Amino acid sequence: MTQDIIIEKLKNIFKLVVNPNANLDDVSIDANITKDLGINSVGLIYLVVGIEETFKIDMSDVTFNTFNTISEVVEYIQKKVK
């Protein structure tokens, strides 16, 4: 799965977690998940669930706090999705 496809799917998940009306078009791949996107600890839980469901992967081998940027999440998903 390409980076661009993963990012587009992540944007849809972020909209559910952050705000359905949020404009994420200008969010860079190096954006910090908590600082730049404003996702709090509860939002991180929803984000993990959304990623697991969307990409059909199990993220129980990591804690989401180990990811700082969108880039790190994309790299993780690329390794898990075959």
PDB file of N, CA and C in Angstrom:
ATOM      1  N   MET A   1       0.852  -1.173   0.000  1.00  0.00           N
ATOM      2  CA  MET A   1       0.000   0.000   0.000  1.00  0.00           C
ATOM      3  C   MET A   1       0.901   1.240   0.000  1.00  0.00           C
ATOM      4  N   THR A   2       0.576   2.195  -0.847  1.00  0.00           N
ATOM      5  CA  THR A   2       1.435   3.372  -0.975  1.00  0.00           C
ATOM      6  C   THR A   2       1.231   4.345   0.175  1.00  0.00           C
ATOM      7  N   GLN A   3       2.224   5.175   0.362  1.00  0.00           N
ATOM      8  CA  GLN A   3       2.171   6.192   1.405  1.00  0.00           C
ATOM      9  C   GLN A   3       0.975   7.122   1.203  1.00  0.00           C
ATOM     10  N   ASP A   4       0.710   7.516  -0.039  1.00  0.00           N
ATOM     11  CA  ASP A   4      -0.392   8.439  -0.322  1.00  0.00           C
ATOM     12  C   ASP A   4      -1.749   7.839   0.042  1.00  0.00           C
ATOM     13  N   ILE A   5      -1.947   6.568  -0.247  1.00  0.00           N
ATOM     14  CA  ILE A   5      -3.207   5.901   0.096  1.00  0.00           C
ATOM     15  C   ILE A   5      -3.362   5.833   1.607  1.00  0.00           C
ATOM     16  N   ILE A   6      -2.293   5.480   2.296  1.00  0.00           N
ATOM     17  CA  ILE A   6      -2.341   5.401   3.760  1.00  0.00           C
ATOM     18  C   ILE A   6      -2.662   6.772   4.351  1.00  0.00           C
ATOM     19  N   ILE A   7      -2.025   7.806   3.852  1.00  0.00           N
ATOM     20  CA  ILE A   7      -2.263   9.150   4.377  1.00  0.00           C
ATOM     21  C   ILE A   7      -3.713   9.577   4.166  1.00  0.00           C
ATOM     22  N   GLU A   8      -4.268   9.300   3.010  1.00  0.00           N
ATOM     23  CA  GLU A   8      -5.666   9.664   2.757  1.00  0.00           C
ATOM     24  C   GLU A   8      -6.605   8.941   3.719  1.00  0.00           C
ATOM     25  N   LYS A   9      -6.346   7.666   3.968  1.00  0.00           N
ATOM     26  CA  LYS A   9      -7.165   6.910   4.915  1.00  0.00           C
ATOM     27  C   LYS A   9      -6.978   7.441   6.338  1.00  0.00           C
ATOM     28  N   LEU A  10      -5.756   7.806   6.681  1.00  0.00           N
ATOM     29  CA  LEU A  10      -5.495   8.377   8.004  1.00  0.00           C
ATOM     30  C   LEU A  10      -6.221   9.706   8.175  1.00  0.00           C
ATOM     31  N   LYS A  11      -6.269  10.514   7.140  1.00  0.00           N
ATOM     32  CA  LYS A  11      -6.972  11.797   7.222  1.00  0.00           C
ATOM     33  C   LYS A  11      -8.444  11.576   7.563  1.00  0.00           C
ATOM     34  N   ASN A  12      -9.049  10.560   6.977  1.00  0.00           N
ATOM     35  CA  ASN A  12     -10.445  10.266   7.288  1.00  0.00           C
ATOM     36  C   ASN A  12     -10.612   9.859   8.743  1.00  0.00           C
ATOM     37  N   ILE A  13      -9.669   9.086   9.256  1.00  0.00           N
ATOM     38  CA  ILE A  13      -9.715   8.691  10.663  1.00  0.00           C
ATOM     39  C   ILE A  13      -9.497   9.909  11.550  1.00  0.00           C
ATOM     40  N   PHE A  14      -8.532  10.763  11.206  1.00  0.00           N
ATOM     41  CA  PHE A  14      -8.261  11.964  11.992  1.00  0.00           C
ATOM     42  C   PHE A  14      -9.489  12.866  12.056  1.00  0.00           C
ATOM     43  N   LYS A  15     -10.220  12.969  10.955  1.00  0.00           N
ATOM     44  CA  LYS A  15     -11.425  13.804  10.952  1.00  0.00           C
ATOM     45  C   LYS A  15     -12.443  13.299  11.965  1.00  0.00           C
ATOM     46  N   LEU A  16     -12.560  11.996  12.100  1.00  0.00           N
ATOM     47  CA  LEU A  16     -13.483  11.438  13.083  1.00  0.00           C
ATOM     48  C   LEU A  16     -13.009  11.716  14.504  1.00  0.00           C
ATOM     49  N   VAL A  17     -11.703  11.664  14.713  1.00  0.00           N
ATOM     50  CA  VAL A  17     -11.134  11.834  16.047  1.00  0.00           C
ATOM     51  C   VAL A  17     -11.040  13.313  16.435  1.00  0.00           C
ATOM     52  N   VAL A  18     -10.614  14.154  15.500  1.00  0.00           N
ATOM     53  CA  VAL A  18     -10.387  15.561  15.805  1.00  0.00           C
ATOM     54  C   VAL A  18     -11.668  16.367  15.652  1.00  0.00           C
ATOM     55  N   ASN A  19     -12.164  16.426  14.430  1.00  0.00           N
ATOM     56  CA  ASN A  19     -13.321  17.245  14.116  1.00  0.00           C
ATOM     57  C   ASN A  19     -13.745  16.900  12.689  1.00  0.00           C
ATOM     58  N   PRO A  20     -15.009  16.550  12.489  1.00  0.00           N
ATOM     59  CA  PRO A  20     -15.463  16.188  11.136  1.00  0.00           C
ATOM     60  C   PRO A  20     -15.259  17.301  10.111  1.00  0.00           C
ATOM     61  N   ASN A  21     -15.209  18.540  10.552  1.00  0.00           N
ATOM     62  CA  ASN A  21     -15.051  19.669   9.632  1.00  0.00           C
ATOM     63  C   ASN A  21     -13.610  20.142   9.522  1.00  0.00           C
ATOM     64  N   ALA A  22     -12.693  19.433  10.149  1.00  0.00           N
ATOM     65  CA  ALA A  22     -11.285  19.846  10.124  1.00  0.00           C
ATOM     66  C   ALA A  22     -10.726  19.757   8.711  1.00  0.00           C
ATOM     67  N   ASN A  23      -9.958  20.773   8.339  1.00  0.00           N
ATOM     68  CA  ASN A  23      -9.292  20.774   7.039  1.00  0.00           C
ATOM     69  C   ASN A  23      -7.890  20.205   7.235  1.00  0.00           C
ATOM     70  N   LEU A  24      -7.690  19.003   6.773  1.00  0.00           N
ATOM     71  CA  LEU A  24      -6.406  18.328   6.959  1.00  0.00           C
ATOM     72  C   LEU A  24      -5.578  18.292   5.675  1.00  0.00           C
ATOM     73  N   ASP A  25      -5.996  19.035   4.683  1.00  0.00           N
ATOM     74  CA  ASP A  25      -5.293  19.024   3.399  1.00  0.00           C
ATOM     75  C   ASP A  25      -3.852  19.522   3.522  1.00  0.00           C
ATOM     76  N   ASP A  26      -3.611  20.448   4.434  1.00  0.00           N
ATOM     77  CA  ASP A  26      -2.282  21.032   4.564  1.00  0.00           C
ATOM     78  C   ASP A  26      -1.436  20.371   5.647  1.00  0.00           C
ATOM     79  N   VAL A  27      -1.925  19.289   6.227  1.00  0.00           N
ATOM     80  CA  VAL A  27      -1.175  18.600   7.274  1.00  0.00           C
ATOM     81  C   VAL A  27      -0.011  17.859   6.622  1.00  0.00           C
ATOM     82  N   SER A  28       1.185  18.105   7.139  1.00  0.00           N
ATOM     83  CA  SER A  28       2.357  17.456   6.558  1.00  0.00           C
ATOM     84  C   SER A  28       2.594  16.098   7.189  1.00  0.00           C
ATOM     85  N   ILE A  29       3.354  15.288   6.509  1.00  0.00           N
ATOM     86  CA  ILE A  29       3.667  13.949   6.998  1.00  0.00           C
ATOM     87  C   ILE A  29       4.508  14.016   8.277  1.00  0.00           C
ATOM     88  N   ASP A  30       5.171  15.140   8.504  1.00  0.00           N
ATOM     89  CA  ASP A  30       5.988  15.312   9.702  1.00  0.00           C
ATOM     90  C   ASP A  30       5.217  15.953  10.857  1.00  0.00           C
ATOM     91  N   ALA A  31       3.908  16.139  10.675  1.00  0.00           N
ATOM     92  CA  ALA A  31       3.097  16.750  11.720  1.00  0.00           C
ATOM     93  C   ALA A  31       3.079  15.873  12.968  1.00  0.00           C
ATOM     94  N   ASN A  32       3.154  16.530  14.120  1.00  0.00           N
ATOM     95  CA  ASN A  32       3.087  15.836  15.393  1.00  0.00           C
ATOM     96  C   ASN A  32       1.622  15.531  15.696  1.00  0.00           C
ATOM     97  N   ILE A  33       1.354  14.298  16.049  1.00  0.00           N
ATOM     98  CA  ILE A  33      -0.022  13.836  16.227  1.00  0.00           C
ATOM     99  C   ILE A  33      -0.730  14.575  17.358  1.00  0.00           C
ATOM    100  N   THR A  34      -0.069  14.739  18.481  1.00  0.00           N
ATOM    101  CA  THR A  34      -0.743  15.382  19.610  1.00  0.00           C
ATOM    102  C   THR A  34      -0.643  16.901  19.552  1.00  0.00           C
ATOM    103  N   LYS A  35       0.509  17.425  19.169  1.00  0.00           N
ATOM    104  CA  LYS A  35       0.696  18.880  19.177  1.00  0.00           C
ATOM    105  C   LYS A  35       0.046  19.551  17.970  1.00  0.00           C
ATOM    106  N   ASP A  36       0.326  19.052  16.773  1.00  0.00           N
ATOM    107  CA  ASP A  36      -0.174  19.704  15.563  1.00  0.00           C
ATOM    108  C   ASP A  36      -1.637  19.373  15.271  1.00  0.00           C
ATOM    109  N   LEU A  37      -2.037  18.145  15.580  1.00  0.00           N
ATOM    110  CA  LEU A  37      -3.424  17.752  15.304  1.00  0.00           C
ATOM    111  C   LEU A  37      -4.328  17.910  16.526  1.00  0.00           C
ATOM    112  N   GLY A  38      -3.730  18.114  17.691  1.00  0.00           N
ATOM    113  CA  GLY A  38      -4.521  18.342  18.890  1.00  0.00           C
ATOM    114  C   GLY A  38      -5.267  17.120  19.398  1.00  0.00           C
ATOM    115  N   ILE A  39      -4.728  15.947  19.147  1.00  0.00           N
ATOM    116  CA  ILE A  39      -5.390  14.723  19.587  1.00  0.00           C
ATOM    117  C   ILE A  39      -4.948  14.417  21.020  1.00  0.00           C
ATOM    118  N   ASN A  40      -5.928  14.273  21.911  1.00  0.00           N
ATOM    119  CA  ASN A  40      -5.624  13.989  23.319  1.00  0.00           C
ATOM    120  C   ASN A  40      -5.565  12.479  23.554  1.00  0.00           C
ATOM    121  N   SER A  41      -5.396  12.083  24.808  1.00  0.00           N
ATOM    122  CA  SER A  41      -5.216  10.658  25.125  1.00  0.00           C
ATOM    123  C   SER A  41      -6.439   9.822  24.759  1.00  0.00           C
ATOM    124  N   VAL A  42      -7.624  10.353  24.945  1.00  0.00           N
ATOM    125  CA  VAL A  42      -8.836   9.627  24.547  1.00  0.00           C
ATOM    126  C   VAL A  42      -8.890   9.527  23.029  1.00  0.00           C
ATOM    127  N   GLY A  43      -8.520  10.605  22.370  1.00  0.00           N
ATOM    128  CA  GLY A  43      -8.479  10.596  20.909  1.00  0.00           C
ATOM    129  C   GLY A  43      -7.502   9.576  20.371  1.00  0.00           C
ATOM    130  N   LEU A  44      -6.391   9.383  21.082  1.00  0.00           N
ATOM    131  CA  LEU A  44      -5.406   8.380  20.655  1.00  0.00           C
ATOM    132  C   LEU A  44      -6.006   6.982  20.674  1.00  0.00           C
ATOM    133  N   ILE A  45      -6.844   6.707  21.659  1.00  0.00           N
ATOM    134  CA  ILE A  45      -7.495   5.396  21.728  1.00  0.00           C
ATOM    135  C   ILE A  45      -8.396   5.207  20.516  1.00  0.00           C
ATOM    136  N   TYR A  46      -9.201   6.222  20.215  1.00  0.00           N
ATOM    137  CA  TYR A  46     -10.075   6.140  19.039  1.00  0.00           C
ATOM    138  C   TYR A  46      -9.265   6.024  17.751  1.00  0.00           C
ATOM    139  N   LEU A  47      -8.142   6.712  17.722  1.00  0.00           N
ATOM    140  CA  LEU A  47      -7.267   6.666  16.552  1.00  0.00           C
ATOM    141  C   LEU A  47      -6.727   5.263  16.326  1.00  0.00           C
ATOM    142  N   VAL A  48      -6.284   4.615  17.383  1.00  0.00           N
ATOM    143  CA  VAL A  48      -5.768   3.246  17.276  1.00  0.00           C
ATOM    144  C   VAL A  48      -6.869   2.310  16.781  1.00  0.00           C
ATOM    145  N   VAL A  49      -8.054   2.425  17.356  1.00  0.00           N
ATOM    146  CA  VAL A  49      -9.177   1.572  16.936  1.00  0.00           C
ATOM    147  C   VAL A  49      -9.501   1.819  15.459  1.00  0.00           C
ATOM    148  N   GLY A  50      -9.525   3.082  15.060  1.00  0.00           N
ATOM    149  CA  GLY A  50      -9.802   3.415  13.665  1.00  0.00           C
ATOM    150  C   GLY A  50      -8.763   2.859  12.714  1.00  0.00           C
ATOM    151  N   ILE A  51      -7.494   2.937  13.108  1.00  0.00           N
ATOM    152  CA  ILE A  51      -6.415   2.399  12.277  1.00  0.00           C
ATOM    153  C   ILE A  51      -6.533   0.883  12.179  1.00  0.00           C
ATOM    154  N   GLU A  52      -6.776   0.234  13.306  1.00  0.00           N
ATOM    155  CA  GLU A  52      -6.911  -1.231  13.292  1.00  0.00           C
ATOM    156  C   GLU A  52      -8.049  -1.676  12.389  1.00  0.00           C
ATOM    157  N   GLU A  53      -9.182  -0.993  12.476  1.00  0.00           N
ATOM    158  CA  GLU A  53     -10.339  -1.376  11.668  1.00  0.00           C
ATOM    159  C   GLU A  53     -10.140  -1.047  10.189  1.00  0.00           C
ATOM    160  N   THR A  54      -9.606   0.121   9.916  1.00  0.00           N
ATOM    161  CA  THR A  54      -9.433   0.555   8.526  1.00  0.00           C
ATOM    162  C   THR A  54      -8.414  -0.290   7.785  1.00  0.00           C
ATOM    163  N   PHE A  55      -7.289  -0.569   8.441  1.00  0.00           N
ATOM    164  CA  PHE A  55      -6.197  -1.268   7.777  1.00  0.00           C
ATOM    165  C   PHE A  55      -6.156  -2.765   8.094  1.00  0.00           C
ATOM    166  N   LYS A  56      -7.106  -3.215   8.937  1.00  0.00           N
ATOM    167  CA  LYS A  56      -7.194  -4.645   9.304  1.00  0.00           C
ATOM    168  C   LYS A  56      -5.869  -5.145   9.880  1.00  0.00           C
ATOM    169  N   ILE A  57      -5.334  -4.365  10.830  1.00  0.00           N
ATOM    170  CA  ILE A  57      -4.087  -4.750  11.490  1.00  0.00           C
ATOM    171  C   ILE A  57      -4.292  -4.762  13.004  1.00  0.00           C
ATOM    172  N   ASP A  58      -3.397  -5.431  13.690  1.00  0.00           N
ATOM    173  CA  ASP A  58      -3.405  -5.483  15.143  1.00  0.00           C
ATOM    174  C   ASP A  58      -2.252  -4.637  15.648  1.00  0.00           C
ATOM    175  N   MET A  59      -2.553  -3.649  16.486  1.00  0.00           N
ATOM    176  CA  MET A  59      -1.520  -2.758  17.000  1.00  0.00           C
ATOM    177  C   MET A  59      -1.183  -3.058  18.457  1.00  0.00           C
ATOM    178  N   SER A  60      -1.490  -4.257  18.916  1.00  0.00           N
ATOM    179  CA  SER A  60      -1.241  -4.583  20.320  1.00  0.00           C
ATOM    180  C   SER A  60       0.246  -4.721  20.642  1.00  0.00           C
ATOM    181  N   ASP A  61       1.100  -4.759  19.616  1.00  0.00           N
ATOM    182  CA  ASP A  61       2.532  -4.890  19.855  1.00  0.00           C
ATOM    183  C   ASP A  61       3.222  -3.559  20.166  1.00  0.00           C
ATOM    184  N   VAL A  62       2.472  -2.447  20.087  1.00  0.00           N
ATOM    185  CA  VAL A  62       3.027  -1.128  20.401  1.00  0.00           C
ATOM    186  C   VAL A  62       2.012  -0.322  21.199  1.00  0.00           C
ATOM    187  N   THR A  63       2.507   0.733  21.837  1.00  0.00           N
ATOM    188  CA  THR A  63       1.593   1.705  22.412  1.00  0.00           C
ATOM    189  C   THR A  63       1.585   2.895  21.475  1.00  0.00           C
ATOM    190  N   PHE A  64       0.465   3.541  21.350  1.00  0.00           N
ATOM    191  CA  PHE A  64       0.391   4.624  20.387  1.00  0.00           C
ATOM    192  C   PHE A  64       1.251   5.801  20.803  1.00  0.00           C
ATOM    193  N   ASN A  65       1.577   5.902  22.071  1.00  0.00           N
ATOM    194  CA  ASN A  65       2.444   6.994  22.518  1.00  0.00           C
ATOM    195  C   ASN A  65       3.854   6.880  21.969  1.00  0.00           C
ATOM    196  N   THR A  66       4.204   5.752  21.367  1.00  0.00           N
ATOM    197  CA  THR A  66       5.531   5.616  20.776  1.00  0.00           C
ATOM    198  C   THR A  66       5.608   6.324  19.423  1.00  0.00           C
ATOM    199  N   PHE A  67       4.473   6.695  18.869  1.00  0.00           N
ATOM    200  CA  PHE A  67       4.443   7.410  17.595  1.00  0.00           C
ATOM    201  C   PHE A  67       4.300   8.898  17.858  1.00  0.00           C
ATOM    202  N   ASN A  68       5.180   9.680  17.282  1.00  0.00           N
ATOM    203  CA  ASN A  68       5.096  11.131  17.426  1.00  0.00           C
ATOM    204  C   ASN A  68       4.522  11.798  16.184  1.00  0.00           C
ATOM    205  N   THR A  69       4.919  11.309  15.012  1.00  0.00           N
ATOM    206  CA  THR A  69       4.518  11.971  13.772  1.00  0.00           C
ATOM    207  C   THR A  69       3.664  11.043  12.900  1.00  0.00           C
ATOM    208  N   ILE A  70       3.006  11.663  11.964  1.00  0.00           N
ATOM    209  CA  ILE A  70       2.216  10.898  11.003  1.00  0.00           C
ATOM    210  C   ILE A  70       3.125   9.963  10.217  1.00  0.00           C
ATOM    211  N   SER A  71       4.323  10.417   9.916  1.00  0.00           N
ATOM    212  CA  SER A  71       5.290   9.609   9.180  1.00  0.00           C
ATOM    213  C   SER A  71       5.573   8.284   9.886  1.00  0.00           C
ATOM    214  N   GLU A  72       5.725   8.339  11.206  1.00  0.00           N
ATOM    215  CA  GLU A  72       5.989   7.121  11.969  1.00  0.00           C
ATOM    216  C   GLU A  72       4.812   6.153  11.914  1.00  0.00           C
ATOM    217  N   VAL A  73       3.608   6.688  11.926  1.00  0.00           N
ATOM    218  CA  VAL A  73       2.412   5.846  11.827  1.00  0.00           C
ATOM    219  C   VAL A  73       2.340   5.208  10.443  1.00  0.00           C
ATOM    220  N   VAL A  74       2.615   5.989   9.404  1.00  0.00           N
ATOM    221  CA  VAL A  74       2.588   5.486   8.031  1.00  0.00           C
ATOM    222  C   VAL A  74       3.598   4.353   7.863  1.00  0.00           C
ATOM    223  N   GLU A  75       4.804   4.546   8.371  1.00  0.00           N
ATOM    224  CA  GLU A  75       5.837   3.508   8.269  1.00  0.00           C
ATOM    225  C   GLU A  75       5.397   2.218   8.985  1.00  0.00           C
ATOM    226  N   TYR A  76       4.791   2.371  10.147  1.00  0.00           N
ATOM    227  CA  TYR A  76       4.308   1.210  10.897  1.00  0.00           C
ATOM    228  C   TYR A  76       3.234   0.466  10.106  1.00  0.00           C
ATOM    229  N   ILE A  77       2.290   1.219   9.556  1.00  0.00           N
ATOM    230  CA  ILE A  77       1.207   0.596   8.780  1.00  0.00           C
ATOM    231  C   ILE A  77       1.766  -0.116   7.559  1.00  0.00           C
ATOM    232  N   GLN A  78       2.714   0.510   6.868  1.00  0.00           N
ATOM    233  CA  GLN A  78       3.306  -0.114   5.691  1.00  0.00           C
ATOM    234  C   GLN A  78       3.975  -1.438   6.038  1.00  0.00           C
ATOM    235  N   LYS A  79       4.588  -1.546   7.207  1.00  0.00           N
ATOM    236  CA  LYS A  79       5.216  -2.793   7.622  1.00  0.00           C
ATOM    237  C   LYS A  79       4.182  -3.867   7.958  1.00  0.00           C
ATOM    238  N   LYS A  80       3.040  -3.443   8.499  1.00  0.00           N
ATOM    239  CA  LYS A  80       2.019  -4.396   8.942  1.00  0.00           C
ATOM    240  C   LYS A  80       1.105  -4.870   7.814  1.00  0.00           C
ATOM    241  N   VAL A  81       0.845  -3.995   6.843  1.00  0.00           N
ATOM    242  CA  VAL A  81      -0.052  -4.328   5.741  1.00  0.00           C
ATOM    243  C   VAL A  81       0.750  -5.008   4.647  1.00  0.00           C
ATOM    244  N   LYS A  82       0.290  -6.141   4.253  1.00  0.00           N
ATOM    245  CA  LYS A  82       1.018  -6.897   3.221  1.00  0.00           C
ATOM    246  C   LYS A  82       0.265  -6.828   1.913  1.00  0.00           C
TER     247      LYS A  82
END
